[in-house]
C-alpha atoms as a PDB file:
ATOM      1  CA  MET A   1       0.303   0.104  -0.315  1.00  0.00           C
ATOM      2  CA  ILE A   2       2.423   2.223   0.861  1.00  0.00           C
ATOM      3  CA  ILE A   3       4.465   1.845  -2.624  1.00  0.00           C
ATOM      4  CA  GLU A   4       1.380   1.950  -4.406  1.00  0.00           C
ATOM      5  CA  GLY A   5       0.683   5.979  -2.798  1.00  0.00           C
ATOM      6  CA  LEU A   6       4.476   6.294  -3.963  1.00  0.00           C
ATOM      7  CA  GLN A   7       3.592   5.619  -7.297  1.00  0.00           C
ATOM      8  CA  SER A   8       0.497   7.477  -7.110  1.00  0.00           C
ATOM      9  CA  LYS A   9       1.495  10.595  -5.603  1.00  0.00           C
ATOM     10  CA  ALA A  10       4.711  10.308  -8.291  1.00  0.00           C
ATOM     11  CA  LYS A  11       2.087  10.334 -11.486  1.00  0.00           C
ATOM     12  CA  GLN A  12       0.163  12.962  -9.910  1.00  0.00           C
ATOM     13  CA  ASN A  13       3.563  15.041  -9.375  1.00  0.00           C
ATOM     14  CA  LYS A  14       5.133  14.808 -13.254  1.00  0.00           C
ATOM     15  CA  MET A  15       4.455  17.956 -14.015  1.00  0.00           C
ATOM     16  CA  LYS A  16       6.273  19.391 -11.085  1.00  0.00           C
ATOM     17  CA  ASP A  17       9.084  16.853 -11.275  1.00  0.00           C
ATOM     18  CA  LYS A  18      11.753  17.599 -13.870  1.00  0.00           C
ATOM     19  CA  GLN A  19      12.814  14.154 -13.463  1.00  0.00           C
ATOM     20  CA  ALA A  20       9.483  12.680 -14.187  1.00  0.00           C
ATOM     21  CA  LEU A  21       8.904  15.204 -17.521  1.00  0.00           C
ATOM     22  CA  ILE A  22      12.540  14.268 -18.593  1.00  0.00           C
ATOM     23  CA  ASP A  23      11.661  10.461 -18.618  1.00  0.00           C
ATOM     24  CA  ILE A  24       8.260  11.279 -20.487  1.00  0.00           C
ATOM     25  CA  ILE A  25      10.385  12.919 -23.007  1.00  0.00           C
ATOM     26  CA  LYS A  26      12.487  10.250 -23.416  1.00  0.00           C
ATOM     27  CA  LYS A  27      10.364   8.195 -23.807  1.00  0.00           C
ATOM     28  CA  TYR A  28       8.172   9.734 -26.753  1.00  0.00           C
ATOM     29  CA  ALA A  29      10.652  12.407 -28.254  1.00  0.00           C
ATOM     30  CA  VAL A  30      12.544  11.300 -31.218  1.00  0.00           C
ATOM     31  CA  GLU A  31      16.502  12.966 -31.636  1.00  0.00           C
ATOM     32  CA  PRO A  32      17.213  15.805 -32.595  1.00  0.00           C
ATOM     33  CA  TYR A  33      14.411  16.798 -31.030  1.00  0.00           C
ATOM     34  CA  ARG A  34      14.916  14.593 -27.250  1.00  0.00           C
ATOM     35  CA  SER A  35      18.287  16.509 -26.591  1.00  0.00           C
ATOM     36  CA  ALA A  36      16.898  19.843 -27.100  1.00  0.00           C
ATOM     37  CA  MET A  37      14.329  19.889 -25.253  1.00  0.00           C
ATOM     38  CA  ILE A  38      15.783  18.648 -22.107  1.00  0.00           C
ATOM     39  CA  GLU A  39      18.274  20.527 -22.703  1.00  0.00           C
ATOM     40  CA  ASP A  40      15.933  23.532 -23.313  1.00  0.00           C
ATOM     41  CA  LEU A  41      13.659  22.399 -20.246  1.00  0.00           C
ATOM     42  CA  LYS A  42      12.684  26.195 -18.091  1.00  0.00           C
ATOM     43  CA  PRO A  43      10.563  25.659 -15.279  1.00  0.00           C
ATOM     44  CA  ALA A  44       6.681  27.535 -14.838  1.00  0.00           C
ATOM     45  CA  ILE A  45       5.503  28.854 -11.480  1.00  0.00           C
ATOM     46  CA  ARG A  46       1.870  27.362 -11.467  1.00  0.00           C
ATOM     47  CA  LEU A  47      -0.979  29.507  -9.141  1.00  0.00           C
ATOM     48  CA  ARG A  48      -3.920  27.183  -8.663  1.00  0.00           C
ATOM     49  CA  THR A  49      -6.869  29.178  -7.225  1.00  0.00           C
ATOM     50  CA  THR A  50      -8.284  28.289  -4.443  1.00  0.00           C
ATOM     51  CA  GLY A  51     -11.570  29.688  -4.403  1.00  0.00           C
ATOM     52  CA  GLU A  52     -11.189  31.626  -1.392  1.00  0.00           C
ATOM     53  CA  ALA A  53     -11.106  35.050  -0.649  1.00  0.00           C
ATOM     54  CA  CYS A  54      -8.028  37.213  -0.630  1.00  0.00           C
ATOM     55  CA  HIS A  55      -8.118  38.672   3.155  1.00  0.00           C
ATOM     56  CA  LYS A  56      -4.285  39.412   3.475  1.00  0.00           C
ATOM     57  CA  ILE A  57      -3.727  42.662   1.973  1.00  0.00           C
ATOM     58  CA  GLY A  58      -0.966  42.466  -0.722  1.00  0.00           C
ATOM     59  CA  ALA A  59      -0.812  39.209  -0.402  1.00  0.00           C
ATOM     60  CA  THR A  60      -0.642  37.042  -4.528  1.00  0.00           C
ATOM     61  CA  LYS A  61      -4.407  36.649  -5.511  1.00  0.00           C
ATOM     62  CA  LEU A  62      -6.112  36.504  -9.372  1.00  0.00           C
ATOM     63  CA  GLY A  63      -9.442  38.309  -9.183  1.00  0.00           C
ATOM     64  CA  GLY A  64     -11.172  40.684  -6.755  1.00  0.00           C
ATOM     65  CA  CYS A  65      -9.701  44.355  -6.751  1.00  0.00           C
ATOM     66  CA  PRO A  66      -5.976  45.377  -6.845  1.00  0.00           C
ATOM     67  CA  ASP A  67      -4.064  46.309  -3.496  1.00  0.00           C
ATOM     68  CA  LEU A  68      -2.407  49.541  -4.756  1.00  0.00           C
ATOM     69  CA  PRO A  69       0.524  51.635  -3.560  1.00  0.00           C
ATOM     70  CA  ALA A  70      -0.942  55.836  -3.447  1.00  0.00           C
ATOM     71  CA  GLN A  71       0.234  56.445  -6.277  1.00  0.00           C
ATOM     72  CA  ILE A  72      -0.469  54.345  -8.402  1.00  0.00           C
ATOM     73  CA  ASN A  73      -4.518  54.070  -9.490  1.00  0.00           C
ATOM     74  CA  TRP A  74      -6.362  51.942 -11.680  1.00  0.00           C
ATOM     75  CA  PRO A  75      -5.247  52.252 -15.187  1.00  0.00           C
ATOM     76  CA  LYS A  76      -7.265  52.784 -18.421  1.00  0.00           C
ATOM     77  CA  ASN A  77      -6.799  51.892 -22.170  1.00  0.00           C
ATOM     78  CA  SER A  78      -5.379  54.886 -24.003  1.00  0.00           C
ATOM     79  CA  ALA A  79      -8.459  54.375 -26.768  1.00  0.00           C
ATOM     80  CA  ASP A  80     -11.454  56.122 -25.042  1.00  0.00           C
ATOM     81  CA  GLY A  81     -10.337  56.322 -21.174  1.00  0.00           C
ATOM     82  CA  GLN A  82     -12.281  53.031 -19.803  1.00  0.00           C
ATOM     83  CA  TYR A  83     -10.913  50.988 -16.773  1.00  0.00           C
ATOM     84  CA  PHE A  84      -9.202  47.556 -17.457  1.00  0.00           C
ATOM     85  CA  SER A  85     -10.029  44.696 -15.722  1.00  0.00           C
ATOM     86  CA  PHE A  86      -7.884  43.227 -12.591  1.00  0.00           C
ATOM     87  CA  LEU A  87      -7.158  40.057 -13.719  1.00  0.00           C
ATOM     88  CA  GLY A  88      -3.934  39.680 -10.466  1.00  0.00           C
ATOM     89  CA  GLN A  89      -1.092  40.671  -8.550  1.00  0.00           C
ATOM     90  CA  ILE A  90       1.943  38.498  -7.890  1.00  0.00           C
ATOM     91  CA  ASN A  91       3.562  39.489  -4.552  1.00  0.00           C
ATOM     92  CA  LEU A  92       7.147  38.477  -5.626  1.00  0.00           C
ATOM     93  CA  SER A  93       8.694  37.808  -1.953  1.00  0.00           C
ATOM     94  CA  GLU A  94       6.463  35.105  -1.390  1.00  0.00           C
ATOM     95  CA  ILE A  95       7.111  33.768  -5.250  1.00  0.00           C
ATOM     96  CA  LYS A  96      10.967  33.781  -5.312  1.00  0.00           C
ATOM     97  CA  VAL A  97      11.679  30.697  -4.641  1.00  0.00           C
ATOM     98  CA  PHE A  98      10.174  28.812  -7.064  1.00  0.00           C
ATOM     99  CA  ASP A  99      11.275  31.449  -8.974  1.00  0.00           C
ATOM    100  CA  GLU A 100      14.844  28.829  -9.856  1.00  0.00           C
ATOM    101  CA  LEU A 101      16.102  31.212 -12.312  1.00  0.00           C
ATOM    102  CA  LYS A 102      15.896  34.640 -10.754  1.00  0.00           C
ATOM    103  CA  LEU A 103      14.199  36.114 -13.548  1.00  0.00           C
ATOM    104  CA  LEU A 104      11.797  37.979 -11.917  1.00  0.00           C
ATOM    105  CA  PRO A 105      12.584  41.187  -9.166  1.00  0.00           C
ATOM    106  CA  SER A 106      13.116  38.960  -5.658  1.00  0.00           C
ATOM    107  CA  HIS A 107      10.536  41.477  -4.048  1.00  0.00           C
ATOM    108  CA  GLY A 108       7.811  43.800  -5.130  1.00  0.00           C
ATOM    109  CA  ILE A 109       4.259  43.374  -7.007  1.00  0.00           C
ATOM    110  CA  LEU A 110       3.140  42.844 -10.509  1.00  0.00           C
ATOM    111  CA  TYR A 111      -0.263  43.884 -10.943  1.00  0.00           C
ATOM    112  CA  PHE A 112      -1.933  42.763 -14.604  1.00  0.00           C
ATOM    113  CA  PHE A 113      -5.098  43.888 -16.006  1.00  0.00           C
ATOM    114  CA  PHE A 114      -6.916  43.573 -18.994  1.00  0.00           C
ATOM    115  CA  ASN A 115      -9.854  44.625 -21.152  1.00  0.00           C
ATOM    116  CA  LEU A 116     -11.836  42.062 -21.060  1.00  0.00           C
ATOM    117  CA  ASP A 117     -14.498  44.460 -24.040  1.00  0.00           C
ATOM    118  CA  SER A 118     -11.712  44.170 -26.859  1.00  0.00           C
ATOM    119  CA  GLY A 119      -9.879  41.153 -25.310  1.00  0.00           C
ATOM    120  CA  ASP A 120      -6.620  42.636 -27.032  1.00  0.00           C
ATOM    121  CA  GLU A 121      -5.179  44.964 -24.830  1.00  0.00           C
ATOM    122  CA  GLY A 122      -4.137  45.217 -21.032  1.00  0.00           C
ATOM    123  CA  LYS A 123      -1.566  46.898 -18.752  1.00  0.00           C
ATOM    124  CA  VAL A 124       1.344  45.810 -16.083  1.00  0.00           C
ATOM    125  CA  ILE A 125       1.724  47.628 -13.125  1.00  0.00           C
ATOM    126  CA  PHE A 126       5.510  47.120 -11.428  1.00  0.00           C
ATOM    127  CA  SER A 127       5.950  48.257  -7.576  1.00  0.00           C
ATOM    128  CA  ALA A 128       9.081  48.045  -6.319  1.00  0.00           C
ATOM    129  CA  THR A 129       7.497  47.716  -2.220  1.00  0.00           C
ATOM    130  CA  ALA A 130       4.321  45.941  -0.899  1.00  0.00           C
ATOM    131  CA  GLU A 131       4.043  48.210   1.683  1.00  0.00           C
ATOM    132  CA  ASP A 132       1.609  51.155   2.583  1.00  0.00           C
ATOM    133  CA  LEU A 133      -1.140  49.274  -0.010  1.00  0.00           C
ATOM    134  CA  GLU A 134      -4.870  49.996  -0.116  1.00  0.00           C
ATOM    135  CA  SER A 135      -7.461  47.386  -1.306  1.00  0.00           C
ATOM    136  CA  ALA A 136      -8.432  49.814  -4.326  1.00  0.00           C
ATOM    137  CA  ILE A 137     -12.538  51.134  -5.027  1.00  0.00           C
ATOM    138  CA  LEU A 138     -14.429  48.833  -7.467  1.00  0.00           C
ATOM    139  CA  PRO A 139     -15.183  51.734 -10.778  1.00  0.00           C
ATOM    140  CA  HIS A 140     -18.372  52.181 -11.388  1.00  0.00           C
ATOM    141  CA  GLU A 141     -18.085  50.873 -14.427  1.00  0.00           C
ATOM    142  CA  LEU A 142     -16.245  48.024 -13.813  1.00  0.00           C
ATOM    143  CA  ALA A 143     -19.735  46.834 -11.720  1.00  0.00           C
ATOM    144  CA  THR A 144     -21.801  47.600 -14.191  1.00  0.00           C
ATOM    145  CA  LYS A 145     -23.552  44.867 -16.839  1.00  0.00           C
ATOM    146  CA  ASN A 146     -21.595  45.366 -19.872  1.00  0.00           C
ATOM    147  CA  LYS A 147     -20.824  42.649 -22.850  1.00  0.00           C
ATOM    148  CA  THR A 148     -17.590  41.338 -23.074  1.00  0.00           C
ATOM    149  CA  PHE A 149     -15.105  40.995 -26.508  1.00  0.00           C
ATOM    150  CA  TRP A 150     -15.690  37.288 -26.675  1.00  0.00           C
ATOM    151  CA  GLN A 151     -19.497  37.204 -25.181  1.00  0.00           C
ATOM    152  CA  LYS A 152     -20.954  40.018 -28.690  1.00  0.00           C
ATOM    153  CA  ILE A 153     -19.046  36.581 -30.768  1.00  0.00           C
ATOM    154  CA  PHE A 154     -20.451  33.684 -28.664  1.00  0.00           C
ATOM    155  CA  PHE A 155     -23.863  35.697 -27.991  1.00  0.00           C
ATOM    156  CA  ARG A 156     -23.884  34.876 -23.726  1.00  0.00           C
ATOM    157  CA  LYS A 157     -25.512  37.199 -21.698  1.00  0.00           C
ATOM    158  CA  PRO A 158     -23.700  39.635 -19.904  1.00  0.00           C
ATOM    159  CA  ILE A 159     -21.883  39.855 -17.294  1.00  0.00           C
ATOM    160  CA  ARG A 160     -19.729  42.017 -14.474  1.00  0.00           C
ATOM    161  CA  ARG A 161     -15.967  42.783 -15.970  1.00  0.00           C
ATOM    162  CA  ILE A 162     -14.673  41.994 -12.721  1.00  0.00           C
ATOM    163  CA  LEU A 163     -13.220  38.635 -11.877  1.00  0.00           C
ATOM    164  CA  LYS A 164     -13.773  36.776  -8.513  1.00  0.00           C
ATOM    165  CA  GLU A 165     -11.388  37.320  -6.322  1.00  0.00           C
ATOM    166  CA  SER A 166      -9.366  33.523  -5.238  1.00  0.00           C
ATOM    167  CA  THR A 167      -6.275  32.931  -3.221  1.00  0.00           C
ATOM    168  CA  VAL A 168      -3.731  30.821  -4.742  1.00  0.00           C
ATOM    169  CA  LYS A 169      -1.574  27.800  -4.126  1.00  0.00           C
ATOM    170  CA  LEU A 170       2.121  27.904  -5.349  1.00  0.00           C
ATOM    171  CA  GLU A 171       3.581  25.119  -7.274  1.00  0.00           C
ATOM    172  CA  GLN A 172       6.710  25.068  -9.252  1.00  0.00           C
ATOM    173  CA  GLU A 173       6.182  22.760 -12.247  1.00  0.00           C
ATOM    174  CA  TYR A 174       8.054  21.932 -15.824  1.00  0.00           C
ATOM    175  CA  ASN A 175       5.792  21.487 -19.091  1.00  0.00           C
ATOM    176  CA  ILE A 176       6.139  20.858 -22.786  1.00  0.00           C
ATOM    177  CA  PRO A 177       5.897  22.926 -25.980  1.00  0.00           C
ATOM    178  CA  SER A 178       3.050  21.912 -28.353  1.00  0.00           C
ATOM    179  CA  TRP A 179       4.299  19.874 -31.513  1.00  0.00           C
ATOM    180  CA  ASP A 180       3.812  23.193 -33.396  1.00  0.00           C
ATOM    181  CA  ALA A 181       5.643  25.325 -30.988  1.00  0.00           C
ATOM    182  CA  LEU A 182       8.424  27.590 -32.585  1.00  0.00           C
ATOM    183  CA  SER A 183      11.802  26.299 -29.914  1.00  0.00           C
ATOM    184  CA  LEU A 184      10.983  23.176 -31.868  1.00  0.00           C
ATOM    185  CA  GLU A 185      11.315  25.041 -35.471  1.00  0.00           C
ATOM    186  CA  ARG A 186      14.202  26.234 -34.530  1.00  0.00           C
ATOM    187  CA  ILE A 187      15.999  22.960 -33.897  1.00  0.00           C
ATOM    188  CA  TYR A 188      14.436  21.624 -37.060  1.00  0.00           C
ATOM    189  CA  GLN A 189      16.139  24.612 -38.539  1.00  0.00           C
ATOM    190  CA  GLU A 190      19.443  24.545 -36.933  1.00  0.00           C
ATOM    191  CA  THR A 191      19.900  20.902 -37.110  1.00  0.00           C
ATOM    192  CA  LYS A 192      18.892  20.808 -40.700  1.00  0.00           C
ATOM    193  CA  THR A 193      17.113  17.415 -39.644  1.00  0.00           C
ATOM    194  CA  ASP A 194      14.499  15.152 -41.961  1.00  0.00           C
ATOM    195  CA  ILE A 195      12.029  15.091 -39.334  1.00  0.00           C
ATOM    196  CA  LYS A 196       9.598  17.594 -38.838  1.00  0.00           C
ATOM    197  CA  PRO A 197       7.846  18.988 -35.368  1.00  0.00           C
ATOM    198  CA  ILE A 198       5.129  17.185 -36.250  1.00  0.00           C
ATOM    199  CA  ASP A 199       6.638  14.011 -36.517  1.00  0.00           C
ATOM    200  CA  ALA A 200       9.402  14.772 -33.173  1.00  0.00           C
ATOM    201  CA  PHE A 201       6.920  12.906 -30.348  1.00  0.00           C
ATOM    202  CA  ASP A 202       4.319  10.395 -30.225  1.00  0.00           C
ATOM    203  CA  GLU A 203       1.300  11.974 -29.500  1.00  0.00           C
ATOM    204  CA  ALA A 204       0.345   9.653 -26.743  1.00  0.00           C
ATOM    205  CA  ILE A 205       3.045  12.400 -24.993  1.00  0.00           C
ATOM    206  CA  PHE A 206       0.144  14.640 -24.885  1.00  0.00           C
ATOM    207  CA  ASP A 207      -1.278  12.477 -22.088  1.00  0.00           C
ATOM    208  CA  ALA A 208       1.649  11.577 -20.201  1.00  0.00           C
ATOM    209  CA  LYS A 209       2.460  14.485 -19.467  1.00  0.00           C
ATOM    210  CA  TYR A 210      -1.125  16.124 -17.742  1.00  0.00           C
ATOM    211  CA  GLU A 211      -1.971  15.026 -14.216  1.00  0.00           C
ATOM    212  CA  ASP A 212      -4.136  12.423 -13.388  1.00  0.00           C
ATOM    213  CA  GLY A 213      -7.730  14.974 -14.149  1.00  0.00           C
ATOM    214  CA  GLU A 214      -6.073  17.443 -15.735  1.00  0.00           C
ATOM    215  CA  SER A 215      -6.388  17.973 -19.553  1.00  0.00           C
ATOM    216  CA  GLU A 216      -5.706  20.950 -21.767  1.00  0.00           C
ATOM    217  CA  THR A 217      -8.591  22.862 -20.859  1.00  0.00           C
ATOM    218  CA  THR A 218      -7.840  22.147 -17.090  1.00  0.00           C
ATOM    219  CA  SER A 219      -6.855  26.165 -15.628  1.00  0.00           C
ATOM    220  CA  ASN A 220      -3.316  26.615 -15.985  1.00  0.00           C
ATOM    221  CA  HIS A 221      -2.513  29.820 -14.647  1.00  0.00           C
ATOM    222  CA  HIS A 222       1.488  30.343 -14.396  1.00  0.00           C
ATOM    223  CA  LEU A 223       4.462  32.918 -14.597  1.00  0.00           C
ATOM    224  CA  LEU A 224       7.519  31.466 -16.757  1.00  0.00           C
ATOM    225  CA  GLY A 225       8.294  28.713 -18.321  1.00  0.00           C
ATOM    226  CA  PRO A 226       6.465  28.001 -22.149  1.00  0.00           C
ATOM    227  CA  TYR A 227       2.711  28.660 -22.873  1.00  0.00           C
ATOM    228  CA  GLN A 228       0.277  26.412 -23.847  1.00  0.00           C
ATOM    229  CA  GLY A 229      -0.978  27.260 -27.123  1.00  0.00           C
ATOM    230  CA  ILE A 230      -4.804  26.899 -28.330  1.00  0.00           C
ATOM    231  CA  GLN A 231      -5.158  27.426 -32.691  1.00  0.00           C
ATOM    232  CA  HIS A 232      -2.242  26.275 -33.413  1.00  0.00           C
ATOM    233  CA  GLU A 233      -0.118  29.427 -33.760  1.00  0.00           C
ATOM    234  CA  SER A 234       3.423  30.131 -32.832  1.00  0.00           C
ATOM    235  CA  HIS A 235       2.508  33.547 -30.815  1.00  0.00           C
ATOM    236  CA  GLU A 236       6.034  35.194 -30.878  1.00  0.00           C
ATOM    237  CA  LEU A 237       6.164  35.287 -33.976  1.00  0.00           C
ATOM    238  CA  ASN A 238       3.361  38.082 -33.539  1.00  0.00           C
ATOM    239  CA  PHE A 239       5.976  40.234 -32.566  1.00  0.00           C
ATOM    240  CA  VAL A 240       8.544  39.836 -35.857  1.00  0.00           C
ATOM    241  CA  GLN A 241       7.470  41.493 -39.286  1.00  0.00           C
ATOM    242  CA  ILE A 242       5.962  38.310 -40.559  1.00  0.00           C
ATOM    243  CA  LYS A 243       4.469  38.057 -44.446  1.00  0.00           C
ATOM    244  CA  ASP A 244       1.385  35.454 -43.836  1.00  0.00           C
ATOM    245  CA  PHE A 245       2.388  31.930 -44.873  1.00  0.00           C
ATOM    246  CA  GLN A 246       5.657  32.806 -45.083  1.00  0.00           C
ATOM    247  CA  GLN A 247       8.145  30.293 -43.638  1.00  0.00           C
ATOM    248  CA  PRO A 248      10.300  32.127 -41.055  1.00  0.00           C
ATOM    249  CA  SER A 249      14.313  32.302 -41.060  1.00  0.00           C
ATOM    250  CA  LEU A 250      16.425  31.191 -38.400  1.00  0.00           C
ATOM    251  CA  ALA A 251      17.086  34.879 -37.606  1.00  0.00           C
ATOM    252  CA  GLU A 252      13.728  35.460 -37.739  1.00  0.00           C
ATOM    253  CA  ILE A 253      12.471  32.740 -35.159  1.00  0.00           C
ATOM    254  CA  ASN A 254      15.458  33.616 -32.442  1.00  0.00           C
ATOM    255  CA  GLN A 255      13.942  37.487 -32.920  1.00  0.00           C
ATOM    256  CA  ALA A 256      10.466  36.052 -32.605  1.00  0.00           C
ATOM    257  CA  LEU A 257      12.240  33.644 -29.016  1.00  0.00           C
ATOM    258  CA  ALA A 258      13.220  37.139 -27.618  1.00  0.00           C
ATOM    259  CA  TRP A 259       9.779  37.382 -26.667  1.00  0.00           C
ATOM    260  CA  LYS A 260       8.957  35.262 -23.182  1.00  0.00           C
ATOM    261  CA  LEU A 261       5.950  34.259 -21.110  1.00  0.00           C
ATOM    262  CA  LEU A 262       5.997  36.448 -18.624  1.00  0.00           C
ATOM    263  CA  LEU A 263       1.741  35.280 -17.735  1.00  0.00           C
ATOM    264  CA  GLN A 264      -0.972  33.030 -18.647  1.00  0.00           C
ATOM    265  CA  ILE A 265      -4.159  33.611 -17.267  1.00  0.00           C
ATOM    266  CA  ASP A 266      -7.170  30.418 -17.933  1.00  0.00           C
ATOM    267  CA  SER A 267     -10.427  30.393 -17.652  1.00  0.00           C
ATOM    268  CA  ASP A 268     -11.562  29.691 -14.571  1.00  0.00           C
ATOM    269  CA  ASP A 269     -15.185  28.699 -13.227  1.00  0.00           C
ATOM    270  CA  GLN A 270     -12.898  29.348 -10.349  1.00  0.00           C
ATOM    271  CA  LEU A 271     -12.479  33.391 -11.108  1.00  0.00           C
ATOM    272  CA  GLU A 272     -16.108  32.807 -12.962  1.00  0.00           C
ATOM    273  CA  LEU A 273     -13.953  33.747 -15.940  1.00  0.00           C
ATOM    274  CA  ILE A 274     -14.498  32.165 -19.444  1.00  0.00           C
ATOM    275  CA  TRP A 275     -13.349  33.583 -22.399  1.00  0.00           C
ATOM    276  CA  GLY A 276     -15.353  32.224 -25.640  1.00  0.00           C
ATOM    277  CA  ASP A 277     -14.570  29.087 -25.091  1.00  0.00           C
ATOM    278  CA  TRP A 278     -12.509  28.303 -22.394  1.00  0.00           C
ATOM    279  CA  GLY A 279      -9.277  30.720 -23.801  1.00  0.00           C
ATOM    280  CA  ARG A 280      -6.646  32.041 -22.413  1.00  0.00           C
ATOM    281  CA  VAL A 281      -5.079  35.001 -22.333  1.00  0.00           C
ATOM    282  CA  TYR A 282      -0.632  35.591 -22.657  1.00  0.00           C
ATOM    283  CA  PHE A 283       1.195  38.366 -21.989  1.00  0.00           C
ATOM    284  CA  PHE A 284       4.166  38.258 -23.241  1.00  0.00           C
ATOM    285  CA  ILE A 285       7.911  40.566 -22.656  1.00  0.00           C
ATOM    286  CA  LEU A 286      11.675  41.252 -24.214  1.00  0.00           C
ATOM    287  CA  ALA A 287      13.908  38.927 -21.841  1.00  0.00           C
ATOM    288  CA  GLU A 288      16.214  41.966 -21.792  1.00  0.00           C
ATOM    289  CA  ASP A 289      12.613  44.327 -20.491  1.00  0.00           C
ATOM    290  CA  LEU A 290      12.698  41.554 -17.844  1.00  0.00           C
ATOM    291  CA  LYS A 291      16.187  42.361 -16.539  1.00  0.00           C
ATOM    292  CA  ASN A 292      15.574  46.021 -16.527  1.00  0.00           C
ATOM    293  CA  LEU A 293      12.072  45.664 -15.041  1.00  0.00           C
ATOM    294  CA  ASN A 294      10.806  47.485 -17.965  1.00  0.00           C
ATOM    295  CA  PHE A 295       6.822  46.472 -18.133  1.00  0.00           C
ATOM    296  CA  ASP A 296       6.225  48.762 -20.465  1.00  0.00           C
ATOM    297  CA  ARG A 297       6.295  47.305 -23.622  1.00  0.00           C
ATOM    298  CA  VAL A 298       4.357  43.690 -22.760  1.00  0.00           C
ATOM    299  CA  LYS A 299       2.125  42.148 -25.646  1.00  0.00           C
ATOM    300  CA  ILE A 300      -0.885  40.615 -25.124  1.00  0.00           C
ATOM    301  CA  ILE A 301      -3.022  37.745 -27.009  1.00  0.00           C
ATOM    302  CA  ALA A 302      -5.955  36.207 -25.801  1.00  0.00           C
ATOM    303  CA  GLU A 303      -7.384  33.275 -28.293  1.00  0.00           C
ATOM    304  CA  CYS A 304      -9.933  30.591 -27.418  1.00  0.00           C
ATOM    305  CA  TYR A 305     -10.872  27.162 -28.884  1.00  0.00           C
END
């Protein structure tokens, strides 16, 4: 019984355990992708919603209202002056133990805002201090029931443009990129292999990589690491000048991959948040900007099934 319990625990934790994921890659991937994928494994910081309200000012949470310093106001979009919806705040001192590569500041707070009405813009604010914070008052415009961008498309009933608040459980995990990830295209071009990315590994790898009870539609909010795409697109290519349907060169791929995932926010019943038919929002940042704590050029993409 003890052995069975340990095996079950190991199976459930395969997304968190680097060696377990390496074993999966070794089993299902072929060379030269196998070695390159193992070498390129990067940790992510998973944010699992609990459904419980957050009662600590400045703590990491998703939804609700932000806890802001006095000098920072709830941001608005530049086009029509409407308030952005608040997605969440990350207390960097709480997550630093999971930031293995030390890519994020060790203190302060990151705030994430998004325009649910348009689905294509938002804002990231970095506060170097997590002290003297106050819970912001919900703007009246966000409390009113207007149809969001996605609801207009799918004719759903209007809801408030504010997420239900939830505390989160923090975990470190490792993820495998999708077969159409730009990082795999780079391997294909660098090694000049005859094996295309779509044939890089057995399809069973996609089921093997999930924890028990999880699937591609399981809410996966996370900082850093690879993003989980939906529509089989390499989102980084949106940030470089590539003509439609043109095969990117290796130089263009490297330029595109300078954009790194900062945060992925998923549809989540705990947050009462559904984009389209279970969509996601991705915040990307240039590696250089993240190093310099410049969050003014963050790029945002939203997509759904």
